[in-house]
Amino acid sequence: MSVLQEGLPLLTPTTSNEVIYRGDHLLVAGMIPSGSKVLDVGCGDGDLLQLLETRGIDGRG
């Protein structure tokens, strides 16, 4: 199943209010159970942490 088929957003600016996340971030976020705590070392702009927050994961970076 592709990212588009799952209806998951990728973090990219769009003309609508839709947020689009990177495919690798979606893959990582899919491996982490909701309610987990995550330390993202080298988090850059925090895009992955933002995605994790939407899934009920406590992420720090």
C-alpha atoms as a PDB file:
ATOM      1  CA  MET A   1       0.000   0.000   0.000  1.00  0.00           C
ATOM      2  CA  SER A   2       1.427   3.372  -0.962  1.00  0.00           C
ATOM      3  CA  VAL A   3       1.514   6.479   1.208  1.00  0.00           C
ATOM      4  CA  LEU A   4      -1.218   8.059  -0.902  1.00  0.00           C
ATOM      5  CA  GLN A   5      -3.455   4.995  -0.551  1.00  0.00           C
ATOM      6  CA  GLU A   6      -3.136   5.166   3.240  1.00  0.00           C
ATOM      7  CA  GLY A   7      -4.233   8.808   3.152  1.00  0.00           C
ATOM      8  CA  LEU A   8      -1.268   9.931   5.250  1.00  0.00           C
ATOM      9  CA  PRO A   9       0.106  13.444   4.753  1.00  0.00           C
ATOM     10  CA  LEU A  10       3.738  14.299   3.794  1.00  0.00           C
ATOM     11  CA  LEU A  11       5.309  17.475   5.241  1.00  0.00           C
ATOM     12  CA  THR A  12       5.356  19.803   2.214  1.00  0.00           C
ATOM     13  CA  PRO A  13       3.624  23.155   1.729  1.00  0.00           C
ATOM     14  CA  THR A  14       0.443  22.849  -0.322  1.00  0.00           C
ATOM     15  CA  THR A  15      -2.188  25.282  -1.497  1.00  0.00           C
ATOM     16  CA  SER A  16      -4.713  23.894   1.002  1.00  0.00           C
ATOM     17  CA  ASN A  17      -4.380  23.401   4.758  1.00  0.00           C
ATOM     18  CA  GLU A  18      -3.192  19.831   4.095  1.00  0.00           C
ATOM     19  CA  VAL A  19       0.219  18.920   5.550  1.00  0.00           C
ATOM     20  CA  ILE A  20       2.332  16.404   3.641  1.00  0.00           C
ATOM     21  CA  TYR A  21       4.991  14.383   5.528  1.00  0.00           C
ATOM     22  CA  ARG A  22       8.118  12.720   4.120  1.00  0.00           C
ATOM     23  CA  GLY A  23       7.826   9.029   3.325  1.00  0.00           C
ATOM     24  CA  ASP A  24      10.742   8.011   5.563  1.00  0.00           C
ATOM     25  CA  HIS A  25       9.188   9.885   8.485  1.00  0.00           C
ATOM     26  CA  LEU A  26       5.898   8.055   7.928  1.00  0.00           C
ATOM     27  CA  LEU A  27       7.750   4.747   7.950  1.00  0.00           C
ATOM     28  CA  VAL A  28       9.502   5.544  11.244  1.00  0.00           C
ATOM     29  CA  ALA A  29       6.319   6.902  12.847  1.00  0.00           C
ATOM     30  CA  GLY A  30       4.473   3.739  11.847  1.00  0.00           C
ATOM     31  CA  MET A  31       6.955   1.623  13.852  1.00  0.00           C
ATOM     32  CA  ILE A  32       6.460   3.510  17.113  1.00  0.00           C
ATOM     33  CA  PRO A  33       3.456   2.693  19.317  1.00  0.00           C
ATOM     34  CA  SER A  34       1.265   5.561  20.516  1.00  0.00           C
ATOM     35  CA  GLY A  35       2.213   6.675  24.027  1.00  0.00           C
ATOM     36  CA  SER A  36       5.923   5.978  23.497  1.00  0.00           C
ATOM     37  CA  LYS A  37       8.718   8.418  24.294  1.00  0.00           C
ATOM     38  CA  VAL A  38      11.271   9.180  21.567  1.00  0.00           C
ATOM     39  CA  LEU A  39      14.553  11.118  21.509  1.00  0.00           C
ATOM     40  CA  ASP A  40      15.363  12.363  18.001  1.00  0.00           C
ATOM     41  CA  VAL A  41      19.082  13.206  17.921  1.00  0.00           C
ATOM     42  CA  GLY A  42      19.854  15.517  15.011  1.00  0.00           C
ATOM     43  CA  CYS A  43      16.185  16.397  14.504  1.00  0.00           C
ATOM     44  CA  GLY A  44      16.854  19.326  12.169  1.00  0.00           C
ATOM     45  CA  ASP A  45      13.662  21.360  11.779  1.00  0.00           C
ATOM     46  CA  GLY A  46      11.660  18.893  13.889  1.00  0.00           C
ATOM     47  CA  ASP A  47       9.465  17.597  11.072  1.00  0.00           C
ATOM     48  CA  LEU A  48       9.547  14.022  12.407  1.00  0.00           C
ATOM     49  CA  LEU A  49       8.796  15.225  15.934  1.00  0.00           C
ATOM     50  CA  GLN A  50       5.769  17.123  14.616  1.00  0.00           C
ATOM     51  CA  LEU A  51       4.479  13.957  12.947  1.00  0.00           C
ATOM     52  CA  LEU A  52       5.069  11.886  16.077  1.00  0.00           C
ATOM     53  CA  GLU A  53       3.084  14.394  18.133  1.00  0.00           C
ATOM     54  CA  THR A  54       0.071  13.960  15.830  1.00  0.00           C
ATOM     55  CA  ARG A  55       0.194  10.233  16.611  1.00  0.00           C
ATOM     56  CA  GLY A  56       0.255  10.578  20.393  1.00  0.00           C
ATOM     57  CA  ILE A  57       4.004  10.020  20.764  1.00  0.00           C
ATOM     58  CA  ASP A  58       6.092  12.138  23.158  1.00  0.00           C
ATOM     59  CA  GLY A  59       9.082  13.191  21.036  1.00  0.00           C
ATOM     60  CA  ARG A  60      12.039  15.343  22.086  1.00  0.00           C
ATOM     61  CA  GLY A  61      14.874  16.577  19.937  1.00  0.00           C
END
